[in-house]
Protein backbone atom coordinates (compact mmCIF):
# COMPACT_ATOMS: atom_id res chain seq x y z
CA MET A 1 -0.01 -0.08 0.09
CA LYS A 2 1.17 3.86 -0.33
CA ILE A 3 0.60 5.89 2.77
CA LEU A 4 1.01 9.34 2.79
CA ILE A 5 1.97 10.44 6.65
CA ILE A 6 0.92 13.95 7.42
CA GLU A 7 2.75 14.92 10.73
CA ASP A 8 4.67 17.54 12.11
CA GLU A 9 6.45 15.82 14.87
CA PRO A 10 9.64 14.34 12.95
CA GLY A 11 10.09 11.63 15.82
CA LEU A 12 6.61 10.43 15.33
CA GLN A 13 6.25 10.52 11.92
CA ARG A 14 9.53 8.70 11.38
CA SER A 15 8.68 5.84 13.94
CA ILE A 16 5.38 5.53 11.97
CA ALA A 17 7.41 5.53 8.55
CA GLN A 18 9.60 3.33 9.58
CA TYR A 19 7.10 0.37 11.20
CA LEU A 20 4.84 0.72 8.25
CA MET A 21 7.78 0.08 5.57
CA ALA A 22 8.65 -2.45 7.62
CA GLU A 23 5.40 -4.24 6.78
CA GLY A 24 5.92 -3.80 3.38
CA ASN A 25 3.96 -0.48 2.52
CA LEU A 26 5.59 2.43 0.62
CA CYS A 27 5.56 5.82 2.62
CA SER A 28 5.34 9.15 1.65
CA VAL A 29 5.44 12.24 4.36
CA ALA A 30 4.62 15.73 4.92
CA LEU A 31 5.63 17.89 7.79
CA ASN A 32 3.25 20.93 6.98
CA TYR A 33 0.11 22.10 5.46
CA ALA A 34 1.62 22.87 2.21
CA GLN A 35 3.94 19.59 1.86
CA ALA A 36 0.49 17.40 2.11
CA LEU A 37 -0.88 19.65 -0.56
CA GLU A 38 1.92 18.89 -2.72
CA ARG A 39 2.25 15.33 -2.20
CA LEU A 40 -1.47 15.12 -2.77
CA ASP A 41 -1.60 17.03 -5.88
CA MET A 42 1.62 15.11 -7.36
CA TYR A 43 0.19 11.29 -5.94
CA GLU A 44 -2.55 9.35 -4.84
CA TYR A 45 -2.38 7.20 -2.27
CA ASP A 46 -4.13 4.12 -0.38
CA CYS A 47 -4.53 5.79 3.33
CA VAL A 48 -3.27 9.29 4.30
CA LEU A 49 -2.49 9.61 8.16
CA LEU A 50 -3.47 13.39 9.19
CA ASP A 51 -2.62 15.13 12.27
CA LEU A 52 -4.74 17.92 12.43
CA THR A 53 -2.24 20.47 14.21
CA LEU A 54 0.08 21.79 11.27
CA PRO A 55 2.22 24.76 11.81
CA ASP A 56 1.08 26.63 8.22
CA GLY A 57 -2.75 25.12 8.45
CA GLU A 58 -5.64 22.68 9.70
CA GLY A 59 -5.75 19.39 8.98
CA LEU A 60 -9.17 19.43 8.68
CA GLN A 61 -9.06 21.76 5.52
CA ILE A 62 -7.24 18.92 4.17
CA LEU A 63 -10.19 16.73 4.54
CA ASN A 64 -12.31 19.71 3.17
CA TYR A 65 -9.92 19.52 0.10
CA LEU A 66 -9.96 15.59 -0.02
CA LYS A 67 -14.13 15.96 -0.32
CA ARG A 68 -14.08 18.33 -2.20
CA VAL A 69 -11.99 16.62 -5.19
CA ASN A 70 -13.71 13.69 -4.57
CA ARG A 71 -10.21 11.62 -3.56
CA ALA A 72 -10.72 7.97 -2.82
CA GLU A 73 -7.96 7.70 0.05
CA GLY A 74 -8.84 6.20 3.03
CA VAL A 75 -7.73 8.95 5.84
CA ILE A 76 -7.22 8.34 9.63
CA ILE A 77 -6.64 11.31 12.12
CA ILE A 78 -4.09 11.07 14.54
CA SER A 79 -4.59 13.92 16.75
CA ALA A 80 -3.85 14.66 20.46
CA ARG A 81 -7.06 16.31 20.31
CA ASN A 82 -9.39 13.76 22.47
CA SER A 83 -13.05 15.93 22.25
CA ILE A 84 -15.92 14.03 20.93
CA ASP A 85 -16.79 17.47 19.00
CA GLN A 86 -13.55 17.29 17.03
CA LYS A 87 -14.23 13.97 16.25
CA ILE A 88 -17.61 14.34 15.09
CA GLU A 89 -16.29 16.69 12.88
CA GLY A 90 -13.72 15.04 11.36
CA LEU A 91 -15.64 12.01 10.70
CA SER A 92 -18.33 14.01 9.46
CA LEU A 93 -15.92 15.81 6.88
CA GLY A 94 -15.28 12.30 5.35
CA ALA A 95 -12.58 10.58 7.77
CA ASP A 96 -12.59 6.97 8.26
CA ASP A 97 -11.35 6.94 11.58
CA TYR A 98 -9.75 8.52 14.40
CA LEU A 99 -6.99 7.73 16.64
CA ILE A 100 -5.92 9.55 19.46
CA LYS A 101 -2.22 10.03 20.64
CA PRO A 102 -0.12 8.30 21.72
CA PHE A 103 -1.12 5.41 20.32
CA HIS A 104 0.43 1.96 19.41
CA LEU A 105 2.21 1.52 15.84
CA SER A 106 0.51 -1.79 15.74
CA GLU A 107 -2.86 -0.56 16.42
CA LEU A 108 -2.38 2.00 13.65
CA ASN A 109 -1.33 -0.37 11.05
CA ALA A 110 -4.39 -2.96 12.00
CA ARG A 111 -6.49 0.21 11.75
CA ILE A 112 -4.97 1.13 8.25
CA LEU A 113 -5.66 -2.52 6.71
CA ALA A 114 -9.36 -2.09 7.86
CA VAL A 115 -9.91 1.26 6.47
CA VAL A 116 -8.29 0.15 3.07
CA ARG A 117 -10.44 -2.96 3.20
CA ARG A 118 -13.55 -1.05 3.82
CA LYS A 119 -12.52 1.05 0.93
CA SER A 120 -12.16 -1.86 -1.38
CA ALA A 121 -15.59 -3.39 -0.51
CA GLN A 122 -17.70 -0.33 -0.89
CA GLY A 123 -18.68 -1.59 -4.80
CA ASP A 124 -20.73 -4.27 -2.93
CA ARG A 125 -21.13 -3.31 0.23
CA HIS A 126 -20.52 -6.63 1.41
CA ILE A 127 -17.39 -8.98 2.59
CA GLU A 128 -17.32 -12.41 1.68
CA PHE A 129 -15.01 -14.90 3.77
CA ASN A 130 -15.65 -18.09 2.61
CA GLU A 131 -18.97 -19.49 4.23
CA ILE A 132 -19.46 -15.99 5.97
CA ARG A 133 -20.98 -13.08 4.47
CA ILE A 134 -20.91 -9.88 6.17
CA ASP A 135 -23.50 -7.17 4.81
CA LEU A 136 -22.02 -3.62 5.88
CA ASP A 137 -25.38 -1.85 4.96
CA ALA A 138 -27.91 -4.07 6.63
CA LYS A 139 -25.36 -5.25 9.72
CA GLU A 140 -25.98 -8.35 9.23
CA VAL A 141 -23.76 -11.44 9.30
CA LEU A 142 -24.80 -14.72 7.06
CA VAL A 143 -23.45 -18.02 7.27
CA ASN A 144 -23.85 -20.34 4.38
CA GLY A 145 -27.04 -17.60 3.22
CA LYS A 146 -29.01 -17.68 7.04
CA VAL A 147 -28.68 -14.80 9.11
CA VAL A 148 -26.77 -15.27 12.54
CA TYR A 149 -27.67 -13.04 15.09
CA MET A 150 -25.41 -10.53 16.96
CA THR A 151 -25.06 -7.20 18.81
CA LYS A 152 -23.58 -4.28 17.41
CA LYS A 153 -20.04 -4.68 19.37
CA GLU A 154 -20.34 -8.40 18.17
CA PHE A 155 -20.80 -7.22 14.68
CA ASP A 156 -18.30 -4.14 15.10
CA LEU A 157 -16.04 -7.07 16.34
CA LEU A 158 -16.34 -9.95 14.03
CA LEU A 159 -15.65 -7.06 11.35
CA TYR A 160 -12.75 -6.04 12.64
CA PHE A 161 -11.06 -9.37 12.90
CA VAL A 162 -12.34 -10.41 9.08
CA SER A 163 -10.59 -7.33 7.91
CA ASN A 164 -7.41 -8.09 9.58
CA LYS A 165 -7.41 -11.75 8.61
CA GLY A 166 -4.37 -13.68 9.26
CA LYS A 167 -2.95 -10.74 11.88
CA VAL A 168 -2.56 -11.04 15.55
CA ILE A 169 -4.70 -8.65 17.13
CA SER A 170 -4.25 -7.68 20.83
CA LYS A 171 -6.82 -7.47 23.59
CA SER A 172 -5.87 -3.88 24.54
CA ALA A 173 -5.81 -3.20 20.30
CA ALA A 174 -9.15 -4.89 20.01
CA VAL A 175 -11.05 -2.97 23.14
CA GLU A 176 -9.81 0.23 21.65
CA HIS A 177 -11.06 -0.15 18.26
CA ILE A 178 -14.79 -1.32 19.54
CA TRP A 179 -14.70 1.03 22.54
CA GLY A 180 -12.77 4.10 21.77
CA ASP A 181 -12.29 6.46 24.41
CA ASP A 182 -14.41 4.08 27.31
CA SER A 183 -11.60 1.19 26.87
CA ASP A 184 -9.30 2.79 29.60
CA MET A 185 -11.64 2.86 31.91
CA ALA A 186 -11.54 -0.70 32.09
CA ASP A 187 -9.35 -2.84 34.65
CA SER A 188 -8.67 -5.35 32.30
CA PHE A 189 -9.73 -6.24 28.88
CA ASP A 190 -10.38 -9.78 29.77
CA PHE A 191 -14.14 -9.39 28.98
CA ILE A 192 -13.18 -9.00 25.24
CA TYR A 193 -12.68 -12.73 25.84
CA THR A 194 -16.54 -13.35 26.53
CA HIS A 195 -17.61 -11.13 23.53
CA ILE A 196 -15.19 -13.65 21.05
CA LYS A 197 -16.16 -16.13 22.76
CA ASN A 198 -20.14 -15.50 22.25
CA ILE A 199 -19.25 -14.50 18.68
CA ARG A 200 -17.85 -18.06 18.12
CA LYS A 201 -20.28 -19.90 19.17
CA LYS A 202 -22.69 -17.80 17.10
CA LEU A 203 -20.77 -18.77 13.94
CA ILE A 204 -20.10 -22.38 14.57
CA ASP A 205 -24.14 -22.87 15.45
CA GLY A 206 -24.79 -21.07 12.18
CA GLY A 207 -22.72 -23.99 10.22
CA SER A 208 -19.37 -22.23 10.09
CA LYS A 209 -15.61 -23.30 11.09
CA ASP A 210 -14.17 -22.13 14.08
CA TYR A 211 -11.56 -19.35 12.78
CA PHE A 212 -10.40 -17.70 16.07
CA GLN A 213 -7.49 -18.88 17.27
CA SER A 214 -6.00 -17.34 20.62
CA VAL A 215 -2.39 -16.37 20.49
CA TYR A 216 -1.33 -16.90 24.25
CA GLY A 217 -0.18 -13.90 26.25
CA VAL A 218 -1.25 -11.84 22.95
CA GLY A 219 -4.66 -11.99 22.00
CA TYR A 220 -6.43 -13.49 18.75
CA LYS A 221 -5.89 -14.20 15.57
CA PHE A 222 -8.82 -14.76 12.99
CA ILE A 223 -6.94 -17.61 10.61
CA SER A 224 -7.63 -17.52 6.82
CA SER A 225 -7.80 -21.38 6.81
């Protein structure tokens, strides 16, 4: 994937770029608003990582630009601004996700993969994996054509794992993705086990194979075979 990192803090920008390139991605960087527009005018990207506070402009202006010219890149805001109003504004302007600093680079990578896969799936608004079919519009999960009823969090969690199949997802990353800011209120992340246990049972009862694999001391992986 080709990723544009718009971040004015050199150390963080360098860390993100090094991690994502080690994962096999191509990364371009922009330290400010002017550089970001220059890169976007010259190239197309799979995903844009966007800091809101730039020395010569507002990150939200870049979102407005991308929306105005109908660009198809996925956009993940990476910001220290932890306010509901700011999140709502960013998401309403077209951002696909909002990640609060500081964050784990593995979590950022998982979110990039999820955003890019969602973007690529928007043509038919369905995601299919073997006997499992996820309807993104109806928020339904079907196994062999039959609906398997799930709660909203179960649906979101399954979608997250299917979108990142083959990747090890830590408990903390799964909780933060689904519960957002409320995740830091939990004494432990053990309750994620209950949700995954329920999802596994519902899928198996519906006729699916068991694709969840526990990774001792880390979290879980949705295996691809």
